[in-house]
Amino acid sequence: MAAEDRVPTRGVLRRPGLRLIDILVALALVGLLYGLLRVAPSLNAPFLPKTAPSTVSTDPANLPYYAVRSLRMFAALIASVLFTFVYSIAAARMRRAEKVLLPVLDILQSVPVLAFLSVTVTAFIALFPGSELGLECASVFAIFTSMAWNMTFAFYYSLVSQPRDLDEAARIMRLTKWQRFWKIDVPSGMIPLVWNGMMSFGGAWFFLAASETISVLNHQYALPGIGSYAAAATAKGDLGEMCLAIAVMIIMVIGVNFFFWRPMTAWAERFRVEDSEAAEKPRSLVLDVLRRSSLPELLGRLLHPVGHALDLLTRPFGLAEYPLERPAVRRRTGDVLFALVIGAIVLWGGWESFSYIQSTSGFGEFLNAFALGAATFGRVALLLVVATLVWVPVGVWIGMSPKITRYAQPVVQVLASFPANFLFPSRSPPSSPSASR
């Protein structure tokens, strides 16, 4: 054997065996799985609309359980990400569908969240008869409608603004549509998706109480959660319990930011392709721990066959070679047919709406509705002007100083995520239109 073969190779870093940090990460994963398994059976608890409780217990001992149940927001976040991927790809890759999908998305993001809740809660209860899972789905859907639209717009614009070099690379490497999605589309849109997801998640905290305390068909239903606890404490007028709910809410916001969003924003920096870098990159203690552990790499190896199987299953869908130029006659013919179909649908919808309004409230209500809408618009515009004059200089002052940013960013995140209706609660939960009839 040659002498050089007996000398250990230098510069090769070998991961040691089981370490303390691996044990800590493994215990955290086991604890998370155990908590999910303990909470899962309660999601399918028996539910009868006529005898269902209309409020939750305000015993402070239940607050940890309520806090865990309020993390149903992550189910809404997962649904929002899936919707974002499907809707954004369809709008970015289908030229004609884009002309319809974008206006529809703009309308959906303008519809109040409580409007979705009042329409869908009865359908979800009927979908899961005798089970509390129907209310859970209605609550998750309401939170989903407060997250999905902003994330979809962000990911869509990342797709349509991709550099041409990436498209050429996909063609040269003959990537399938699935491979292009995971290797090019998702990485190029990861930073705006994460940051807009964090903003949407922060805004969704506001609707927590409304999504957990639901009133429909002259009956009120309450799901276990910190939002329903705050609503029950408000109804009792117990200031101490309301302060406990606010304290737990602050802890939840800080915990979610520390254990989830801060690691995500720091991890997303790996996808930045600009020539210039930020003066101070986001850092996360949780991400540092995960990077030092060998468990994420082990899980990646275990899941590698699944990714390979998906590559094989999606090959029949073809390569990601979108036509660079289409024949003019074929394009115009398709545009005319598409315009005729959409025009027919719009005319039919307009006629049905005209008939419905004429047979119910009448068109005289439009003047009242426009007057109320103008008043709302005036309040929003005034608040936007005042907020811009006050907070833009504050944001510039924070952003220009890395030292101030380090201390101010956590405070700003908590203030941005904390639901204002916890500080100015209403004594009665919002009712749906069906309940007011």
Protein backbone atom coordinates (compact mmCIF):
# COMPACT_ATOMS: atom_id res chain seq x y z
CA MET A 1 0.00 0.00 0.00
CA ALA A 2 1.38 3.40 -0.94
CA ALA A 3 2.28 5.85 1.79
CA GLU A 4 -0.20 8.40 0.53
CA ASP A 5 -2.99 5.85 0.89
CA ARG A 6 -2.28 5.49 4.61
CA VAL A 7 -2.41 9.22 5.28
CA PRO A 8 -5.91 10.40 6.18
CA THR A 9 -7.37 12.84 3.70
CA ARG A 10 -7.13 16.42 4.88
CA GLY A 11 -9.82 19.01 4.37
CA VAL A 12 -12.66 16.46 4.46
CA LEU A 13 -15.10 17.18 7.25
CA ARG A 14 -16.81 14.10 8.60
CA ARG A 15 -19.90 14.39 10.71
CA PRO A 16 -19.46 12.69 14.05
CA GLY A 17 -21.96 10.19 15.39
CA LEU A 18 -24.85 11.00 17.66
CA ARG A 19 -24.27 14.31 19.42
CA LEU A 20 -26.02 16.29 22.09
CA ILE A 21 -27.44 18.73 19.56
CA ASP A 22 -28.91 15.81 17.59
CA ILE A 23 -30.57 14.53 20.75
CA LEU A 24 -32.07 17.96 21.43
CA VAL A 25 -33.47 18.24 17.88
CA ALA A 26 -34.82 14.68 18.05
CA LEU A 27 -36.54 15.39 21.38
CA ALA A 28 -38.08 18.54 19.92
CA LEU A 29 -39.44 16.59 16.94
CA VAL A 30 -40.79 13.82 19.17
CA GLY A 31 -42.45 16.41 21.41
CA LEU A 32 -44.04 18.09 18.39
CA LEU A 33 -45.37 14.78 17.04
CA TYR A 34 -46.65 13.79 20.48
CA GLY A 35 -48.49 17.09 20.84
CA LEU A 36 -50.09 16.69 17.40
CA LEU A 37 -51.21 13.15 18.23
CA ARG A 38 -52.72 14.29 21.53
CA VAL A 39 -54.60 17.19 19.94
CA ALA A 40 -55.77 15.33 16.80
CA PRO A 41 -58.58 13.26 18.45
CA SER A 42 -60.19 16.41 19.87
CA LEU A 43 -60.58 17.83 16.35
CA ASN A 44 -63.11 15.09 15.60
CA ALA A 45 -65.08 15.45 18.84
CA PRO A 46 -68.86 14.82 18.71
CA PHE A 47 -70.81 17.88 17.64
CA LEU A 48 -74.56 18.50 17.58
CA PRO A 49 -75.62 21.98 16.40
CA LYS A 50 -78.56 22.24 18.82
CA THR A 51 -76.58 21.25 21.94
CA ALA A 52 -73.12 22.55 21.05
CA PRO A 53 -71.61 24.92 23.64
CA SER A 54 -71.82 28.57 22.73
CA THR A 55 -68.78 29.57 24.79
CA VAL A 56 -65.62 28.09 26.26
CA SER A 57 -64.46 27.83 29.83
CA THR A 58 -62.48 30.80 31.12
CA ASP A 59 -60.51 28.72 33.59
CA PRO A 60 -56.89 29.95 33.24
CA ALA A 61 -55.70 26.34 33.50
CA ASN A 62 -57.08 25.74 30.00
CA LEU A 63 -55.02 28.51 28.42
CA PRO A 64 -52.09 26.26 27.34
CA TYR A 65 -54.51 23.90 25.58
CA TYR A 66 -56.36 26.81 23.96
CA ALA A 67 -53.06 28.28 22.78
CA VAL A 68 -52.13 25.00 21.10
CA ARG A 69 -55.53 24.73 19.44
CA SER A 70 -55.17 28.28 18.07
CA LEU A 71 -52.16 27.08 16.13
CA ARG A 72 -54.71 25.85 13.61
CA MET A 73 -53.38 28.90 11.80
CA PHE A 74 -50.56 26.70 10.50
CA ALA A 75 -53.14 24.47 8.79
CA ALA A 76 -54.44 27.59 7.07
CA LEU A 77 -50.87 28.55 6.15
CA ILE A 78 -50.25 25.15 4.52
CA ALA A 79 -53.49 25.46 2.56
CA SER A 80 -52.50 28.99 1.50
CA VAL A 81 -49.12 27.80 0.20
CA LEU A 82 -50.73 25.01 -1.83
CA PHE A 83 -53.30 27.43 -3.25
CA THR A 84 -50.55 29.93 -4.03
CA PHE A 85 -48.53 27.40 -6.03
CA VAL A 86 -51.48 26.17 -8.12
CA TYR A 87 -53.13 29.55 -8.73
CA SER A 88 -49.90 31.44 -9.42
CA ILE A 89 -48.59 28.86 -11.89
CA ALA A 90 -51.92 28.86 -13.75
CA ALA A 91 -51.98 32.67 -13.94
CA ALA A 92 -48.32 32.99 -14.96
CA ARG A 93 -48.21 30.18 -17.54
CA MET A 94 -51.67 30.50 -19.15
CA ARG A 95 -51.95 33.81 -20.99
CA ARG A 96 -55.71 33.79 -21.46
CA ALA A 97 -56.50 32.44 -17.99
CA GLU A 98 -54.36 35.24 -16.54
CA LYS A 99 -56.88 37.83 -17.79
CA VAL A 100 -59.56 36.20 -15.60
CA LEU A 101 -57.58 34.84 -12.67
CA LEU A 102 -55.94 38.12 -11.69
CA PRO A 103 -59.18 40.19 -11.54
CA VAL A 104 -60.87 37.37 -9.62
CA LEU A 105 -57.98 37.31 -7.16
CA ASP A 106 -58.20 41.08 -6.77
CA ILE A 107 -61.91 40.78 -5.97
CA LEU A 108 -61.35 37.93 -3.51
CA GLN A 109 -58.77 39.88 -1.53
CA SER A 110 -61.26 42.76 -1.21
CA VAL A 111 -64.04 40.60 0.26
CA PRO A 112 -64.12 40.78 4.09
CA VAL A 113 -63.04 37.59 5.86
CA LEU A 114 -66.29 37.46 7.86
CA ALA A 115 -68.23 37.32 4.59
CA PHE A 116 -66.47 34.08 3.64
CA LEU A 117 -67.08 32.71 7.13
CA SER A 118 -70.81 33.42 7.12
CA VAL A 119 -71.24 31.74 3.72
CA THR A 120 -69.13 28.63 4.27
CA VAL A 121 -69.73 27.64 7.90
CA THR A 122 -73.09 25.98 7.19
CA ALA A 123 -71.60 24.02 4.29
CA PHE A 124 -68.70 22.75 6.39
CA ILE A 125 -71.01 21.71 9.24
CA ALA A 126 -73.13 19.76 6.74
CA LEU A 127 -70.00 18.21 5.21
CA PHE A 128 -68.97 16.67 8.55
CA PRO A 129 -72.26 15.87 10.32
CA GLY A 130 -71.95 15.03 14.00
CA SER A 131 -68.30 16.06 14.16
CA GLU A 132 -66.52 19.19 15.32
CA LEU A 133 -64.27 18.84 12.29
CA GLY A 134 -66.78 20.88 10.28
CA LEU A 135 -66.33 23.91 12.57
CA GLU A 136 -62.57 23.40 12.48
CA CYS A 137 -62.59 23.47 8.68
CA ALA A 138 -64.74 26.61 8.68
CA SER A 139 -62.34 28.31 11.08
CA VAL A 140 -59.28 27.25 9.07
CA PHE A 141 -60.95 28.41 5.85
CA ALA A 142 -61.68 31.83 7.35
CA ILE A 143 -58.02 32.20 8.35
CA PHE A 144 -56.99 30.91 4.91
CA THR A 145 -58.91 33.74 3.23
CA SER A 146 -56.90 36.28 5.24
CA MET A 147 -53.56 34.80 4.06
CA ALA A 148 -53.80 33.34 0.58
CA TRP A 149 -54.42 36.34 -1.67
CA ASN A 150 -51.34 38.35 -0.66
CA MET A 151 -49.08 35.31 -0.93
CA THR A 152 -50.49 34.43 -4.35
CA PHE A 153 -49.84 37.90 -5.75
CA ALA A 154 -46.27 37.84 -4.41
CA PHE A 155 -45.44 34.45 -5.93
CA TYR A 156 -47.15 35.31 -9.22
CA TYR A 157 -45.04 38.44 -9.70
CA SER A 158 -41.89 36.48 -8.90
CA LEU A 159 -42.82 34.06 -11.71
CA VAL A 160 -43.56 36.71 -14.35
CA SER A 161 -40.40 38.66 -13.46
CA GLN A 162 -38.00 35.73 -13.71
CA PRO A 163 -34.82 36.48 -15.68
CA ARG A 164 -34.77 35.04 -19.18
CA ASP A 165 -31.58 33.18 -18.26
CA LEU A 166 -33.55 30.87 -15.97
CA ASP A 167 -35.97 29.98 -18.75
CA GLU A 168 -33.08 29.22 -21.09
CA ALA A 169 -31.43 27.08 -18.42
CA ALA A 170 -34.61 25.05 -17.99
CA ARG A 171 -34.76 24.42 -21.74
CA ILE A 172 -31.09 23.48 -22.02
CA MET A 173 -31.31 21.02 -19.12
CA ARG A 174 -34.62 19.69 -20.49
CA LEU A 175 -36.34 19.94 -17.15
CA THR A 176 -39.84 18.58 -16.77
CA LYS A 177 -42.58 20.91 -15.61
CA TRP A 178 -42.34 19.45 -12.10
CA GLN A 179 -38.54 19.82 -12.01
CA ARG A 180 -38.72 23.40 -13.24
CA PHE A 181 -41.29 24.19 -10.56
CA TRP A 182 -39.10 22.91 -7.70
CA LYS A 183 -35.67 23.79 -9.06
CA ILE A 184 -36.38 27.22 -10.58
CA ASP A 185 -39.83 28.63 -9.82
CA VAL A 186 -39.96 27.96 -6.09
CA PRO A 187 -36.35 29.01 -5.31
CA SER A 188 -36.66 32.23 -7.34
CA GLY A 189 -39.87 33.18 -5.51
CA MET A 190 -38.93 31.94 -2.05
CA ILE A 191 -37.89 35.28 -0.53
CA PRO A 192 -41.07 37.22 -1.48
CA LEU A 193 -43.17 34.17 -0.58
CA VAL A 194 -41.66 33.91 2.92
CA TRP A 195 -41.85 37.62 3.69
CA ASN A 196 -45.40 37.99 2.38
CA GLY A 197 -46.34 34.80 4.19
CA MET A 198 -45.05 36.29 7.44
CA MET A 199 -47.04 39.49 6.82
CA SER A 200 -50.19 37.51 5.99
CA PHE A 201 -49.75 35.32 9.06
CA GLY A 202 -49.38 38.42 11.22
CA GLY A 203 -52.56 39.88 9.78
CA ALA A 204 -54.41 36.59 10.33
CA TRP A 205 -53.97 36.90 14.10
CA PHE A 206 -56.55 39.68 13.93
CA PHE A 207 -59.28 37.27 12.79
CA LEU A 208 -58.53 34.63 15.41
CA ALA A 209 -61.41 35.57 17.71
CA ALA A 210 -63.87 35.88 14.82
CA SER A 211 -62.87 32.48 13.37
CA GLU A 212 -63.15 30.68 16.72
CA THR A 213 -66.46 32.22 17.86
CA ILE A 214 -68.98 31.67 15.08
CA SER A 215 -72.62 32.73 15.01
CA VAL A 216 -74.93 31.25 12.39
CA LEU A 217 -78.62 30.35 12.19
CA ASN A 218 -79.35 32.12 15.48
CA HIS A 219 -76.88 29.94 17.34
CA GLN A 220 -73.36 30.64 18.51
CA TYR A 221 -70.58 28.05 18.35
CA ALA A 222 -67.22 28.31 20.09
CA LEU A 223 -64.07 26.38 19.23
CA PRO A 224 -61.35 25.94 21.86
CA GLY A 225 -58.73 28.63 21.27
CA ILE A 226 -57.20 31.77 22.66
CA GLY A 227 -59.53 33.87 20.50
CA SER A 228 -62.70 32.25 21.87
CA TYR A 229 -61.24 32.52 25.39
CA ALA A 230 -60.78 36.26 24.92
CA ALA A 231 -64.35 36.56 23.59
CA ALA A 232 -65.72 34.65 26.61
CA ALA A 233 -63.68 36.77 29.04
CA THR A 234 -64.97 39.91 27.34
CA ALA A 235 -68.57 38.72 27.60
CA LYS A 236 -68.05 38.16 31.34
CA GLY A 237 -66.39 41.53 31.73
CA ASP A 238 -63.52 39.94 33.67
CA LEU A 239 -60.53 42.28 33.25
CA GLY A 240 -58.09 39.80 34.81
CA GLU A 241 -58.97 37.03 32.37
CA MET A 242 -58.75 39.48 29.47
CA CYS A 243 -55.25 40.48 30.61
CA LEU A 244 -54.30 36.78 30.79
CA ALA A 245 -55.52 36.29 27.22
CA ILE A 246 -53.46 39.29 26.05
CA ALA A 247 -50.36 37.98 27.86
CA VAL A 248 -50.73 34.50 26.33
CA MET A 249 -51.31 36.07 22.93
CA ILE A 250 -48.07 38.06 23.18
CA ILE A 251 -46.20 34.89 24.18
CA MET A 252 -47.68 33.04 21.20
CA VAL A 253 -46.72 35.78 18.75
CA ILE A 254 -43.16 35.92 20.08
CA GLY A 255 -42.89 32.12 20.11
CA VAL A 256 -44.11 31.73 16.52
CA ASN A 257 -41.75 34.46 15.34
CA PHE A 258 -38.79 32.93 17.19
CA PHE A 259 -39.33 29.27 16.35
CA PHE A 260 -40.78 29.59 12.85
CA TRP A 261 -40.68 32.92 11.00
CA ARG A 262 -37.23 34.08 12.04
CA PRO A 263 -35.64 30.76 10.96
CA MET A 264 -37.62 30.90 7.71
CA THR A 265 -36.50 34.44 6.83
CA ALA A 266 -32.89 33.59 7.65
CA TRP A 267 -33.06 30.35 5.63
CA ALA A 268 -34.65 32.11 2.63
CA GLU A 269 -31.55 34.30 2.24
CA ARG A 270 -29.82 31.36 0.55
CA PHE A 271 -32.03 32.00 -2.50
CA ARG A 272 -30.99 35.63 -2.92
CA VAL A 273 -29.35 36.13 -6.33
CA GLU A 274 -28.68 39.88 -6.30
CA ASP A 275 -25.09 41.09 -6.61
CA SER A 276 -25.42 43.28 -3.50
CA GLU A 277 -26.05 41.85 -0.07
CA ALA A 278 -27.78 43.28 2.97
CA ALA A 279 -25.62 45.08 5.51
CA GLU A 280 -26.79 42.67 8.20
CA LYS A 281 -28.30 39.31 7.23
CA PRO A 282 -31.16 37.85 9.29
CA ARG A 283 -29.95 35.33 11.83
CA SER A 284 -31.77 32.72 13.85
CA LEU A 285 -30.64 30.65 16.81
CA VAL A 286 -33.10 27.90 15.88
CA LEU A 287 -31.74 27.73 12.31
CA ASP A 288 -28.17 27.59 13.63
CA VAL A 289 -29.11 24.62 15.81
CA LEU A 290 -30.74 22.81 12.89
CA ARG A 291 -27.74 23.43 10.65
CA ARG A 292 -25.37 21.96 13.22
CA SER A 293 -27.52 18.87 13.60
CA SER A 294 -27.24 15.90 11.25
CA LEU A 295 -30.94 14.99 11.53
CA PRO A 296 -32.18 17.32 8.74
CA GLU A 297 -29.65 15.76 6.35
CA LEU A 298 -30.77 12.28 7.44
CA LEU A 299 -34.42 13.15 6.85
CA GLY A 300 -33.48 14.52 3.43
CA ARG A 301 -31.85 11.22 2.50
CA LEU A 302 -34.91 9.28 3.65
CA LEU A 303 -37.22 11.48 1.55
CA HIS A 304 -35.00 11.42 -1.54
CA PRO A 305 -36.75 8.33 -3.01
CA VAL A 306 -40.07 10.15 -2.72
CA GLY A 307 -38.73 13.07 -4.77
CA HIS A 308 -37.30 10.69 -7.36
CA ALA A 309 -40.66 8.91 -7.62
CA LEU A 310 -42.43 12.23 -8.16
CA ASP A 311 -39.97 13.08 -10.94
CA LEU A 312 -40.81 9.82 -12.69
CA LEU A 313 -44.57 10.20 -12.20
CA THR A 314 -44.64 13.74 -13.60
CA ARG A 315 -42.56 13.07 -16.73
CA PRO A 316 -45.66 12.22 -18.82
CA PHE A 317 -46.80 15.86 -18.34
CA GLY A 318 -43.97 16.88 -20.66
CA LEU A 319 -41.00 19.20 -20.57
CA ALA A 320 -41.04 22.82 -19.43
CA GLU A 321 -40.68 24.12 -22.97
CA TYR A 322 -43.30 26.81 -23.27
CA PRO A 323 -43.67 28.07 -26.86
CA LEU A 324 -41.66 31.21 -27.45
CA GLU A 325 -43.92 32.26 -30.34
CA ARG A 326 -47.33 31.05 -31.49
CA PRO A 327 -48.85 31.37 -34.98
CA ALA A 328 -50.76 34.65 -35.27
CA VAL A 329 -53.93 33.09 -36.76
CA ARG A 330 -54.12 30.41 -34.11
CA ARG A 331 -53.53 32.96 -31.34
CA ARG A 332 -56.23 35.34 -32.60
CA THR A 333 -58.75 32.53 -33.06
CA GLY A 334 -58.18 31.36 -29.52
CA ASP A 335 -58.48 34.91 -28.20
CA VAL A 336 -61.82 35.41 -29.98
CA LEU A 337 -63.27 32.13 -28.69
CA PHE A 338 -62.03 32.89 -25.17
CA ALA A 339 -63.56 36.39 -25.27
CA LEU A 340 -66.91 35.00 -26.46
CA VAL A 341 -67.04 32.42 -23.66
CA ILE A 342 -66.07 34.94 -20.96
CA GLY A 343 -68.51 37.51 -22.37
CA ALA A 344 -71.36 34.99 -22.29
CA ILE A 345 -70.57 34.10 -18.68
CA VAL A 346 -70.43 37.77 -17.67
CA LEU A 347 -73.75 38.52 -19.38
CA TRP A 348 -75.41 35.53 -17.73
CA GLY A 349 -74.01 36.49 -14.31
CA GLY A 350 -75.09 40.10 -14.78
CA TRP A 351 -78.62 39.12 -15.72
CA GLU A 352 -78.92 36.75 -12.75
CA SER A 353 -77.63 39.47 -10.41
CA PHE A 354 -80.06 42.01 -11.89
CA SER A 355 -82.99 39.62 -11.40
CA TYR A 356 -81.96 38.78 -7.84
CA ILE A 357 -81.55 42.42 -6.76
CA GLN A 358 -84.80 43.45 -8.41
CA SER A 359 -86.72 40.69 -6.63
CA THR A 360 -85.19 41.27 -3.18
CA SER A 361 -83.84 44.58 -1.88
CA GLY A 362 -84.30 46.65 -5.02
CA PHE A 363 -81.86 49.06 -6.62
CA GLY A 364 -82.62 51.83 -4.15
CA GLU A 365 -80.26 50.17 -1.69
CA PHE A 366 -77.34 50.87 -4.01
CA LEU A 367 -77.32 54.55 -3.09
CA ASN A 368 -77.17 53.71 0.60
CA ALA A 369 -74.45 51.11 -0.03
CA PHE A 370 -72.36 53.57 -2.05
CA ALA A 371 -72.72 56.20 0.67
CA LEU A 372 -71.55 53.75 3.34
CA GLY A 373 -68.72 52.61 1.07
CA ALA A 374 -67.62 56.21 0.52
CA ALA A 375 -67.54 56.78 4.29
CA THR A 376 -65.42 53.66 4.77
CA PHE A 377 -63.09 54.70 1.97
CA GLY A 378 -62.67 58.13 3.55
CA ARG A 379 -61.68 56.63 6.90
CA VAL A 380 -59.21 54.23 5.28
CA ALA A 381 -57.67 56.97 3.12
CA LEU A 382 -57.28 59.30 6.10
CA LEU A 383 -55.70 56.56 8.18
CA LEU A 384 -53.34 55.68 5.31
CA VAL A 385 -52.14 59.27 5.03
CA VAL A 386 -51.62 59.64 8.78
CA ALA A 387 -49.86 56.26 9.06
CA THR A 388 -47.58 57.14 6.13
CA LEU A 389 -46.58 60.48 7.64
CA VAL A 390 -45.85 58.93 11.03
CA TRP A 391 -44.42 55.48 10.38
CA VAL A 392 -42.43 55.87 7.15
CA PRO A 393 -39.87 58.15 8.87
CA VAL A 394 -39.78 55.73 11.81
CA GLY A 395 -39.17 52.82 9.42
CA VAL A 396 -36.37 54.70 7.65
CA TRP A 397 -34.78 55.56 11.01
CA ILE A 398 -34.89 51.90 12.10
CA GLY A 399 -33.64 50.60 8.74
CA MET A 400 -30.69 52.99 8.59
CA SER A 401 -29.24 51.77 11.87
CA PRO A 402 -28.38 48.06 12.21
CA LYS A 403 -28.06 48.45 15.99
CA ILE A 404 -31.56 49.90 16.31
CA THR A 405 -32.92 47.30 13.89
CA ARG A 406 -31.64 44.50 16.13
CA TYR A 407 -33.75 45.73 19.04
CA ALA A 408 -36.70 47.26 17.20
CA GLN A 409 -37.48 44.41 14.80
CA PRO A 410 -38.87 42.00 17.46
CA VAL A 411 -41.01 44.80 18.91
CA VAL A 412 -42.35 45.75 15.47
CA GLN A 413 -43.12 42.10 14.67
CA VAL A 414 -45.11 41.71 17.88
CA LEU A 415 -47.02 44.96 17.32
CA ALA A 416 -47.74 44.02 13.69
CA SER A 417 -48.99 40.55 14.62
CA PHE A 418 -50.93 41.36 17.78
CA PRO A 419 -54.69 41.52 17.04
CA ALA A 420 -56.07 44.96 17.83
CA ASN A 421 -59.49 43.55 18.70
CA PHE A 422 -57.91 41.99 21.83
CA LEU A 423 -57.31 45.51 23.13
CA PHE A 424 -60.66 46.91 21.93
CA PRO A 425 -62.92 43.86 22.09
CA SER A 426 -66.58 43.70 21.27
CA ARG A 427 -69.00 42.22 23.75
CA SER A 428 -70.87 40.31 21.10
CA PRO A 429 -69.26 38.22 18.39
CA PRO A 430 -69.90 39.09 14.78
CA SER A 431 -73.03 37.49 13.42
CA SER A 432 -73.58 36.14 9.98
CA PRO A 433 -76.26 37.37 7.63
CA SER A 434 -78.23 34.19 8.17
CA ALA A 435 -78.29 34.81 11.90
CA SER A 436 -79.64 38.31 11.49
CA ARG A 437 -82.65 37.33 9.47
